PDB file of all heavy atoms in Angstrom:
ATOM      1  N   CYS A   1     -65.529  22.539 -75.776  1.00  0.00           N
ATOM      2  CA  CYS A   1     -66.826  21.904 -75.984  1.00  0.00           C
ATOM      3  C   CYS A   1     -67.265  21.171 -74.818  1.00  0.00           C
ATOM      4  O   CYS A   1     -68.415  21.216 -74.492  1.00  0.00           O
ATOM      5  CB  CYS A   1     -66.820  21.044 -77.256  1.00  0.00           C
ATOM      6  SG  CYS A   1     -66.652  22.021 -78.804  1.00  0.00           S
ATOM      7  N   ARG A   2     -66.386  20.318 -74.289  1.00  0.00           N
ATOM      8  CA  ARG A   2     -66.733  19.537 -73.133  1.00  0.00           C
ATOM      9  C   ARG A   2     -67.138  20.338 -71.894  1.00  0.00           C
ATOM     10  O   ARG A   2     -67.958  20.025 -71.186  1.00  0.00           O
ATOM     11  CB  ARG A   2     -65.653  18.508 -72.822  1.00  0.00           C
ATOM     12  CG  ARG A   2     -65.594  17.379 -73.914  1.00  0.00           C
ATOM     13  CD  ARG A   2     -64.560  16.395 -73.805  1.00  0.00           C
ATOM     14  NE  ARG A   2     -64.750  15.344 -74.841  1.00  0.00           N
ATOM     15  CZ  ARG A   2     -63.804  14.490 -75.217  1.00  0.00           C
ATOM     16  NH1 ARG A   2     -62.592  14.605 -74.725  1.00  0.00           N
ATOM     17  NH2 ARG A   2     -64.101  13.498 -76.059  1.00  0.00           N
ATOM     18  N   LYS A   3     -66.349  21.451 -71.684  1.00  0.00           N
ATOM     19  CA  LYS A   3     -66.632  22.326 -70.570  1.00  0.00           C
ATOM     20  C   LYS A   3     -67.868  23.044 -70.617  1.00  0.00           C
ATOM     21  O   LYS A   3     -68.583  23.304 -69.562  1.00  0.00           O
ATOM     22  CB  LYS A   3     -65.432  23.309 -70.407  1.00  0.00           C
ATOM     23  CG  LYS A   3     -64.180  22.639 -69.730  1.00  0.00           C
ATOM     24  CD  LYS A   3     -63.117  23.688 -69.406  1.00  0.00           C
ATOM     25  CE  LYS A   3     -62.013  23.072 -68.665  1.00  0.00           C
ATOM     26  NZ  LYS A   3     -60.833  23.915 -68.484  1.00  0.00           N
ATOM     27  N   VAL A   4     -68.361  23.440 -71.857  1.00  0.00           N
ATOM     28  CA  VAL A   4     -69.533  24.152 -72.005  1.00  0.00           C
ATOM     29  C   VAL A   4     -70.729  23.252 -72.370  1.00  0.00           C
ATOM     30  O   VAL A   4     -71.850  23.743 -72.701  1.00  0.00           O
ATOM     31  CB  VAL A   4     -69.474  25.390 -73.000  1.00  0.00           C
ATOM     32  CG1 VAL A   4     -68.399  26.372 -72.519  1.00  0.00           C
ATOM     33  CG2 VAL A   4     -69.077  24.898 -74.357  1.00  0.00           C
ATOM     34  N   LYS A   5     -70.486  21.903 -72.304  1.00  0.00           N
ATOM     35  CA  LYS A   5     -71.476  20.913 -72.596  1.00  0.00           C
ATOM     36  C   LYS A   5     -72.020  21.046 -74.031  1.00  0.00           C
ATOM     37  O   LYS A   5     -73.268  20.991 -74.246  1.00  0.00           O
ATOM     38  CB  LYS A   5     -72.591  20.902 -71.536  1.00  0.00           C
ATOM     39  CG  LYS A   5     -72.016  20.582 -70.150  1.00  0.00           C
ATOM     40  CD  LYS A   5     -73.126  20.501 -69.082  1.00  0.00           C
ATOM     41  CE  LYS A   5     -72.642  19.926 -67.789  1.00  0.00           C
ATOM     42  NZ  LYS A   5     -71.432  20.575 -67.244  1.00  0.00           N
ATOM     43  N   LEU A   6     -71.180  21.311 -75.012  1.00  0.00           N
ATOM     44  CA  LEU A   6     -71.522  21.363 -76.356  1.00  0.00           C
ATOM     45  C   LEU A   6     -71.220  20.100 -77.046  1.00  0.00           C
ATOM     46  O   LEU A   6     -70.040  19.727 -77.108  1.00  0.00           O
ATOM     47  CB  LEU A   6     -70.728  22.546 -77.026  1.00  0.00           C
ATOM     48  CG  LEU A   6     -70.950  22.761 -78.556  1.00  0.00           C
ATOM     49  CD1 LEU A   6     -72.248  23.011 -78.986  1.00  0.00           C
ATOM     50  CD2 LEU A   6     -69.990  23.869 -79.071  1.00  0.00           C
ATOM     51  N   PRO A   7     -72.257  19.349 -77.484  1.00  0.00           N
ATOM     52  CA  PRO A   7     -71.914  18.067 -78.137  1.00  0.00           C
ATOM     53  C   PRO A   7     -70.996  18.244 -79.354  1.00  0.00           C
ATOM     54  O   PRO A   7     -71.069  19.126 -80.030  1.00  0.00           O
ATOM     55  CB  PRO A   7     -73.262  17.538 -78.646  1.00  0.00           C
ATOM     56  CG  PRO A   7     -74.252  18.420 -77.892  1.00  0.00           C
ATOM     57  CD  PRO A   7     -73.630  19.640 -77.559  1.00  0.00           C
ATOM     58  N   ILE A   8     -70.046  17.252 -79.483  1.00  0.00           N
ATOM     59  CA  ILE A   8     -69.124  17.300 -80.659  1.00  0.00           C
ATOM     60  C   ILE A   8     -69.619  16.238 -81.634  1.00  0.00           C
ATOM     61  O   ILE A   8     -69.716  15.065 -81.483  1.00  0.00           O
ATOM     62  CB  ILE A   8     -67.733  16.882 -80.169  1.00  0.00           C
ATOM     63  CG1 ILE A   8     -67.228  17.975 -79.291  1.00  0.00           C
ATOM     64  CG2 ILE A   8     -66.837  16.841 -81.464  1.00  0.00           C
ATOM     65  CD1 ILE A   8     -65.954  17.538 -78.454  1.00  0.00           C
ATOM     66  N   ILE A   9     -70.026  16.752 -82.876  1.00  0.00           N
ATOM     67  CA  ILE A   9     -70.489  15.884 -83.917  1.00  0.00           C
ATOM     68  C   ILE A   9     -69.259  15.074 -84.490  1.00  0.00           C
ATOM     69  O   ILE A   9     -69.378  13.820 -84.730  1.00  0.00           O
ATOM     70  CB  ILE A   9     -71.181  16.648 -85.047  1.00  0.00           C
ATOM     71  CG1 ILE A   9     -72.447  17.297 -84.533  1.00  0.00           C
ATOM     72  CG2 ILE A   9     -71.525  15.718 -86.229  1.00  0.00           C
ATOM     73  CD1 ILE A   9     -73.061  18.344 -85.527  1.00  0.00           C
ATOM     74  N   GLY A  10     -68.159  15.714 -84.566  1.00  0.00           N
ATOM     75  CA  GLY A  10     -66.933  15.103 -85.062  1.00  0.00           C
ATOM     76  C   GLY A  10     -65.922  16.073 -85.573  1.00  0.00           C
ATOM     77  O   GLY A  10     -66.126  17.340 -85.604  1.00  0.00           O
ATOM     78  N   VAL A  11     -64.816  15.448 -86.045  1.00  0.00           N
ATOM     79  CA  VAL A  11     -63.614  16.265 -86.601  1.00  0.00           C
ATOM     80  C   VAL A  11     -63.517  16.025 -88.013  1.00  0.00           C
ATOM     81  O   VAL A  11     -63.662  14.877 -88.535  1.00  0.00           O
ATOM     82  CB  VAL A  11     -62.304  15.924 -85.791  1.00  0.00           C
ATOM     83  CG1 VAL A  11     -61.157  16.594 -86.416  1.00  0.00           C
ATOM     84  CG2 VAL A  11     -62.477  16.314 -84.272  1.00  0.00           C
ATOM     85  N   VAL A  12     -63.168  17.097 -88.736  1.00  0.00           N
ATOM     86  CA  VAL A  12     -62.860  16.986 -90.219  1.00  0.00           C
ATOM     87  C   VAL A  12     -61.419  17.331 -90.398  1.00  0.00           C
ATOM     88  O   VAL A  12     -60.954  18.360 -89.923  1.00  0.00           O
ATOM     89  CB  VAL A  12     -63.784  17.943 -91.025  1.00  0.00           C
ATOM     90  CG1 VAL A  12     -63.294  17.960 -92.513  1.00  0.00           C
ATOM     91  CG2 VAL A  12     -65.184  17.513 -91.013  1.00  0.00           C
ATOM     92  N   GLU A  13     -60.722  16.379 -91.022  1.00  0.00           N
ATOM     93  CA  GLU A  13     -59.273  16.728 -91.341  1.00  0.00           C
ATOM     94  C   GLU A  13     -59.197  17.351 -92.786  1.00  0.00           C
ATOM     95  O   GLU A  13     -59.413  16.624 -93.777  1.00  0.00           O
ATOM     96  CB  GLU A  13     -58.396  15.465 -91.262  1.00  0.00           C
ATOM     97  CG  GLU A  13     -56.907  15.774 -91.405  1.00  0.00           C
ATOM     98  CD  GLU A  13     -55.973  14.613 -91.318  1.00  0.00           C
ATOM     99  OE1 GLU A  13     -55.760  13.828 -92.306  1.00  0.00           O
ATOM    100  OE2 GLU A  13     -55.458  14.383 -90.240  1.00  0.00           O
ATOM    101  N   ASN A  14     -58.925  18.603 -92.825  1.00  0.00           N
ATOM    102  CA  ASN A  14     -58.883  19.275 -94.128  1.00  0.00           C
ATOM    103  C   ASN A  14     -57.528  19.321 -94.634  1.00  0.00           C
ATOM    104  O   ASN A  14     -56.521  19.123 -93.955  1.00  0.00           O
ATOM    105  CB  ASN A  14     -59.359  20.759 -93.900  1.00  0.00           C
ATOM    106  CG  ASN A  14     -59.927  21.414 -95.137  1.00  0.00           C
ATOM    107  OD1 ASN A  14     -60.144  20.697 -96.148  1.00  0.00           O
ATOM    108  ND2 ASN A  14     -60.078  22.608 -95.097  1.00  0.00           N
ATOM    109  N   MET A  15     -57.296  19.505 -95.971  1.00  0.00           N
ATOM    110  CA  MET A  15     -55.990  19.612 -96.639  1.00  0.00           C
ATOM    111  C   MET A  15     -55.172  18.370 -96.308  1.00  0.00           C
ATOM    112  O   MET A  15     -54.018  18.323 -96.007  1.00  0.00           O
ATOM    113  CB  MET A  15     -55.135  20.828 -96.144  1.00  0.00           C
ATOM    114  CG  MET A  15     -56.040  22.073 -96.365  1.00  0.00           C
ATOM    115  SD  MET A  15     -55.079  23.686 -95.908  1.00  0.00           S
ATOM    116  CE  MET A  15     -56.421  24.768 -95.438  1.00  0.00           C
ATOM    117  N   SER A  16     -55.890  17.190 -96.403  1.00  0.00           N
ATOM    118  CA  SER A  16     -55.303  15.964 -96.065  1.00  0.00           C
ATOM    119  C   SER A  16     -54.638  15.251 -97.191  1.00  0.00           C
ATOM    120  O   SER A  16     -55.276  14.346 -97.856  1.00  0.00           O
ATOM    121  CB  SER A  16     -56.413  15.038 -95.478  1.00  0.00           C
ATOM    122  OG  SER A  16     -55.902  13.808 -95.051  1.00  0.00           O
ATOM    123  N   GLY A  17     -53.424  15.642 -97.537  1.00  0.00           N
ATOM    124  CA  GLY A  17     -52.688  14.995 -98.680  1.00  0.00           C
ATOM    125  C   GLY A  17     -53.133  15.777 -99.969  1.00  0.00           C
ATOM    126  O   GLY A  17     -54.229  16.363-100.083  1.00  0.00           O
ATOM    127  N   PHE A  18     -52.268  15.648-101.027  1.00  0.00           N
ATOM    128  CA  PHE A  18     -52.538  16.260-102.328  1.00  0.00           C
ATOM    129  C   PHE A  18     -52.158  15.232-103.404  1.00  0.00           C
ATOM    130  O   PHE A  18     -51.013  14.713-103.430  1.00  0.00           O
ATOM    131  CB  PHE A  18     -51.653  17.544-102.452  1.00  0.00           C
ATOM    132  CG  PHE A  18     -51.637  18.139-103.859  1.00  0.00           C
ATOM    133  CD1 PHE A  18     -52.760  18.713-104.347  1.00  0.00           C
ATOM    134  CD2 PHE A  18     -50.488  17.984-104.650  1.00  0.00           C
ATOM    135  CE1 PHE A  18     -52.780  19.172-105.664  1.00  0.00           C
ATOM    136  CE2 PHE A  18     -50.504  18.505-105.964  1.00  0.00           C
ATOM    137  CZ  PHE A  18     -51.620  19.089-106.486  1.00  0.00           C
ATOM    138  N   VAL A  19     -53.137  15.007-104.247  1.00  0.00           N
ATOM    139  CA  VAL A  19     -52.880  14.069-105.335  1.00  0.00           C
ATOM    140  C   VAL A  19     -52.476  14.859-106.562  1.00  0.00           C
ATOM    141  O   VAL A  19     -53.317  15.684-107.003  1.00  0.00           O
ATOM    142  CB  VAL A  19     -54.074  13.143-105.632  1.00  0.00           C
ATOM    143  CG1 VAL A  19     -53.826  12.217-106.735  1.00  0.00           C
ATOM    144  CG2 VAL A  19     -54.395  12.333-104.369  1.00  0.00           C
ATOM    145  N   CYS A  20     -51.304  14.656-107.165  1.00  0.00           N
ATOM    146  CA  CYS A  20     -50.859  15.375-108.358  1.00  0.00           C
ATOM    147  C   CYS A  20     -51.785  15.004-109.517  1.00  0.00           C
ATOM    148  O   CYS A  20     -51.953  13.811-109.863  1.00  0.00           O
ATOM    149  CB  CYS A  20     -49.449  15.048-108.670  1.00  0.00           C
ATOM    150  SG  CYS A  20     -48.899  15.732-110.216  1.00  0.00           S
ATOM    151  N   PRO A  21     -52.341  15.993-110.145  1.00  0.00           N
ATOM    152  CA  PRO A  21     -53.279  15.738-111.286  1.00  0.00           C
ATOM    153  C   PRO A  21     -52.581  15.028-112.469  1.00  0.00           C
ATOM    154  O   PRO A  21     -53.185  14.387-113.284  1.00  0.00           O
ATOM    155  CB  PRO A  21     -53.893  17.094-111.724  1.00  0.00           C
ATOM    156  CG  PRO A  21     -52.892  18.087-111.060  1.00  0.00           C
ATOM    157  CD  PRO A  21     -52.288  17.475-109.934  1.00  0.00           C
ATOM    158  N   LYS A  22     -51.261  15.194-112.509  1.00  0.00           N
ATOM    159  CA  LYS A  22     -50.486  14.603-113.685  1.00  0.00           C
ATOM    160  C   LYS A  22     -49.970  13.207-113.408  1.00  0.00           C
ATOM    161  O   LYS A  22     -50.377  12.209-114.120  1.00  0.00           O
ATOM    162  CB  LYS A  22     -49.400  15.494-114.125  1.00  0.00           C
ATOM    163  CG  LYS A  22     -49.879  16.795-114.848  1.00  0.00           C
ATOM    164  CD  LYS A  22     -48.776  17.708-115.340  1.00  0.00           C
ATOM    165  CE  LYS A  22     -49.384  18.907-116.041  1.00  0.00           C
ATOM    166  NZ  LYS A  22     -48.242  19.840-116.393  1.00  0.00           N
ATOM    167  N   CYS A  23     -49.188  13.104-112.298  1.00  0.00           N
ATOM    168  CA  CYS A  23     -48.572  11.785-111.989  1.00  0.00           C
ATOM    169  C   CYS A  23     -49.325  10.976-111.155  1.00  0.00           C
ATOM    170  O   CYS A  23     -49.112   9.689-110.948  1.00  0.00           O
ATOM    171  CB  CYS A  23     -47.130  11.959-111.569  1.00  0.00           C
ATOM    172  SG  CYS A  23     -47.129  12.702-109.872  1.00  0.00           S
ATOM    173  N   LYS A  24     -50.422  11.455-110.470  1.00  0.00           N
ATOM    174  CA  LYS A  24     -51.350  10.822-109.478  1.00  0.00           C
ATOM    175  C   LYS A  24     -50.588  10.395-108.229  1.00  0.00           C
ATOM    176  O   LYS A  24     -51.235   9.657-107.409  1.00  0.00           O
ATOM    177  CB  LYS A  24     -51.986   9.523-110.212  1.00  0.00           C
ATOM    178  CG  LYS A  24     -52.789   9.881-111.449  1.00  0.00           C
ATOM    179  CD  LYS A  24     -53.878  10.882-111.285  1.00  0.00           C
ATOM    180  CE  LYS A  24     -54.637  11.173-112.542  1.00  0.00           C
ATOM    181  NZ  LYS A  24     -55.518  12.301-112.358  1.00  0.00           N
TER     182      LYS A  24
END
């Protein structure tokens, strides 16, 4: 992105932890 001068809005961290629906 920096080399082609494409602005970076930001980064999204996906699959960031898993909360168990039963024990939380």
